[in-house]
Protein backbone atom coordinates (compact mmCIF):
# COMPACT_ATOMS: atom_id res chain seq x y z
CA UNK A 1 101.53 97.15 101.83
CA UNK A 2 102.06 97.65 105.45
CA UNK A 3 102.72 94.66 107.96
CA UNK A 4 99.69 93.23 109.84
CA UNK A 5 99.73 91.67 113.15
CA UNK A 6 97.20 89.41 114.78
CA UNK A 7 97.50 88.55 118.44
CA UNK A 8 96.07 85.72 120.38
CA UNK A 9 95.88 86.69 124.11
CA UNK A 10 95.14 84.81 127.21
CA UNK A 11 93.54 87.49 129.59
CA UNK A 12 92.41 85.07 132.15
CA UNK A 13 95.72 83.10 132.48
CA UNK A 14 97.40 83.89 135.91
CA UNK A 15 100.82 85.58 135.63
CA UNK A 16 102.41 82.60 137.53
CA UNK A 17 101.57 80.29 134.64
CA UNK A 18 102.58 82.41 131.71
CA UNK A 19 106.19 81.42 131.13
CA UNK A 20 105.55 77.71 131.36
CA UNK A 21 102.52 77.88 129.16
CA UNK A 22 104.29 80.02 126.70
CA UNK A 23 107.25 77.48 126.48
CA UNK A 24 104.57 74.68 126.11
CA UNK A 25 102.98 76.47 123.23
CA UNK A 26 106.34 77.19 121.52
CA UNK A 27 107.42 73.53 121.91
CA UNK A 28 104.12 72.13 120.50
CA UNK A 29 104.14 74.53 117.51
CA UNK A 30 107.72 73.60 116.71
CA UNK A 31 107.23 69.89 117.18
CA UNK A 32 104.24 69.96 114.84
CA UNK A 33 106.00 71.96 112.22
CA UNK A 34 103.85 74.99 112.44
CA UNK A 35 106.86 77.19 113.33
CA UNK A 36 110.53 76.74 112.64
CA UNK A 37 112.64 75.23 115.21
CA UNK A 38 115.07 78.13 115.59
CA UNK A 39 114.58 81.87 115.56
CA UNK A 40 115.35 84.08 112.48
CA UNK A 41 114.98 87.66 111.59
CA UNK A 42 111.38 87.41 110.43
CA UNK A 43 109.69 90.21 112.45
CA UNK A 44 109.51 93.82 111.70
CA UNK A 45 112.84 95.62 111.75
CA UNK A 46 114.48 92.22 111.45
CA UNK A 47 113.80 91.27 114.88
CA UNK A 48 113.89 87.70 115.85
CA UNK A 49 110.87 85.26 115.93
CA UNK A 50 109.78 81.89 114.59
CA UNK A 51 109.10 81.80 110.73
CA UNK A 52 106.42 79.47 109.45
CA UNK A 53 107.33 75.81 109.57
CA UNK A 54 106.71 73.31 106.76
CA UNK A 55 103.32 72.46 108.32
CA UNK A 56 102.09 75.99 108.85
CA UNK A 57 99.06 75.41 106.68
CA UNK A 58 97.61 73.20 109.53
CA UNK A 59 97.08 76.51 111.63
CA UNK A 60 95.15 78.30 108.73
CA UNK A 61 91.57 78.63 108.22
CA UNK A 62 92.06 77.74 104.50
CA UNK A 63 94.78 75.17 104.71
CA UNK A 64 94.42 74.20 101.07
CA UNK A 65 94.92 77.57 99.84
CA UNK A 66 98.33 76.93 98.42
CA UNK A 67 99.02 80.58 97.14
CA UNK A 68 98.45 82.05 100.58
CA UNK A 69 100.73 79.57 102.08
CA UNK A 70 103.41 80.19 99.67
CA UNK A 71 102.96 84.00 99.96
CA UNK A 72 103.33 83.78 103.83
CA UNK A 73 106.37 81.50 103.52
CA UNK A 74 108.23 83.95 101.23
CA UNK A 75 107.33 87.22 103.03
CA UNK A 76 110.33 88.76 104.71
CA UNK A 77 108.09 89.59 107.82
CA UNK A 78 106.04 86.42 108.61
CA UNK A 79 107.16 85.32 112.13
CA UNK A 80 105.42 84.61 115.29
CA UNK A 81 106.44 85.71 118.65
CA UNK A 82 105.39 83.99 121.87
CA UNK A 83 105.61 86.16 125.04
CA UNK A 84 104.84 85.76 128.59
CA UNK A 85 104.61 88.53 131.22
CA UNK A 86 102.08 91.42 131.52
CA UNK A 87 101.65 92.90 127.97
CA UNK A 88 99.12 94.92 126.24
CA UNK A 89 98.29 93.80 122.61
CA UNK A 90 96.64 96.10 119.97
CA UNK A 91 96.46 96.53 116.23
CA UNK A 92 97.91 99.48 114.33
CA UNK A 93 95.39 101.84 115.56
CA UNK A 94 93.99 102.75 118.98
CA UNK A 95 90.35 103.87 119.06
CA UNK A 96 88.03 104.33 121.91
CA UNK A 97 87.14 102.71 125.17
CA UNK A 98 83.78 102.76 127.09
CA UNK A 99 83.22 102.99 130.71
CA UNK A 100 82.20 99.62 131.98
CA UNK A 101 79.72 101.45 134.40
CA UNK A 102 77.94 104.02 132.15
CA UNK A 103 79.39 103.47 128.71
CA UNK A 104 80.90 106.96 128.27
CA UNK A 105 83.39 106.78 125.57
CA UNK A 106 87.07 107.85 126.04
CA UNK A 107 89.32 108.45 123.14
CA UNK A 108 92.33 106.34 124.01
CA UNK A 109 95.14 108.08 121.95
CA UNK A 110 93.96 111.48 123.23
CA UNK A 111 93.83 110.91 126.88
CA UNK A 112 96.97 110.34 128.87
CA UNK A 113 94.95 108.93 131.77
CA UNK A 114 94.44 105.80 129.73
CA UNK A 115 98.12 105.36 129.34
CA UNK A 116 98.71 105.96 133.06
CA UNK A 117 96.34 103.32 133.91
CA UNK A 118 97.81 100.88 131.42
CA UNK A 119 101.23 101.66 132.87
CA UNK A 120 100.03 101.03 136.31
CA UNK A 121 98.60 97.64 135.17
CA UNK A 122 101.85 96.71 133.56
CA UNK A 123 103.90 97.35 136.57
CA UNK A 124 102.10 96.04 139.49
CA UNK A 125 102.78 92.83 141.05
CA UNK A 126 101.43 89.41 140.18
CA UNK A 127 98.83 89.29 142.81
CA UNK A 128 97.19 92.62 141.77
CA UNK A 129 95.26 93.20 138.33
CA UNK A 130 94.08 96.66 138.52
CA UNK A 131 95.26 99.76 136.82
CA UNK A 132 92.32 101.99 137.85
CA UNK A 133 90.76 104.57 135.39
CA UNK A 134 88.35 107.12 136.45
CA UNK A 135 85.33 107.84 134.30
CA UNK A 136 84.64 111.54 133.68
CA UNK A 137 81.01 110.68 133.09
CA UNK A 138 79.83 108.64 136.18
CA UNK A 139 83.03 109.49 138.25
CA UNK A 140 83.48 105.76 139.12
CA UNK A 141 86.88 103.88 139.04
CA UNK A 142 87.29 100.68 137.05
CA UNK A 143 90.17 98.45 136.10
CA UNK A 144 91.58 99.50 132.59
CA UNK A 145 91.27 95.82 131.62
CA UNK A 146 87.41 96.04 132.12
CA UNK A 147 86.89 98.94 129.59
CA UNK A 148 85.57 97.55 126.39
CA UNK A 149 87.80 98.86 123.41
CA UNK A 150 87.00 99.41 119.74
CA UNK A 151 89.22 98.10 118.02
CA UNK A 152 89.85 95.45 120.65
CA UNK A 153 92.81 95.77 123.04
CA UNK A 154 94.09 92.65 124.85
CA UNK A 155 95.56 92.47 128.36
CA UNK A 156 97.39 89.29 129.30
CA UNK A 157 100.31 87.24 130.62
CA UNK A 158 100.56 85.29 127.64
CA UNK A 159 100.36 86.30 123.80
CA UNK A 160 101.21 84.95 120.35
CA UNK A 161 101.63 87.54 117.78
CA UNK A 162 101.30 86.33 114.15
CA UNK A 163 102.85 88.80 111.71
CA UNK A 164 101.16 88.83 108.17
CA UNK A 165 99.61 85.34 108.68
CA UNK A 166 96.25 84.51 106.82
CA UNK A 167 93.21 83.79 109.31
CA UNK A 168 93.87 81.14 111.65
CA UNK A 169 91.63 77.98 111.96
CA UNK A 170 89.27 77.99 114.85
CA UNK A 171 90.36 74.36 115.55
CA UNK A 172 93.98 75.55 115.73
CA UNK A 173 93.08 78.15 118.29
CA UNK A 174 90.89 75.68 120.17
CA UNK A 175 93.91 73.43 120.53
CA UNK A 176 96.03 76.30 121.83
CA UNK A 177 93.42 77.11 124.43
CA UNK A 178 93.33 73.50 125.57
CA UNK A 179 97.09 73.49 125.88
CA UNK A 180 97.21 76.76 127.78
CA UNK A 181 94.21 76.05 129.96
CA UNK A 182 92.62 79.43 129.22
CA UNK A 183 90.53 81.05 126.59
CA UNK A 184 92.31 83.18 124.02
CA UNK A 185 90.91 86.40 122.29
CA UNK A 186 92.01 87.73 118.96
CA UNK A 187 93.22 91.30 118.78
CA UNK A 188 94.88 93.17 115.81
CA UNK A 189 94.59 94.04 112.24
């Protein structure tokens, strides 16, 4: 079975707050035993991340499902990565985006203009937020971040990536939102 990743992304968090809020989230998750206190090779290709801690069940939608918790803890790829800085988060497949003005669909994987706009968004300074994309239907420009995507794509300056974790509890996500001071969206498989 292929590895699956679920991202929580804070698209409204200003870039200047990303690093501090990421550190606060990591500290809270480690202090609560949701994540291990030290990094280990628990991400794809043996990259370093934070493995589930002894109290990881508190983050799950079904905390009493002992089998799911045991399965998560014994998987070789089961880590969490907390990142700050401009990033784009998506699942295993890229689908389509729709123009925010007219709704004309754009096949993401087959259109290099999408990737050019994403690259522009990734590389611009903290005070800017646009990687403009031209719609071939209505010929209007719009920031790539405003194009609704299916499946969802998240643009943000803070993100948490959960590898092979069961569904997360809404209360857990709400607690992270309160700590971060911004809403989170879920993106991924």
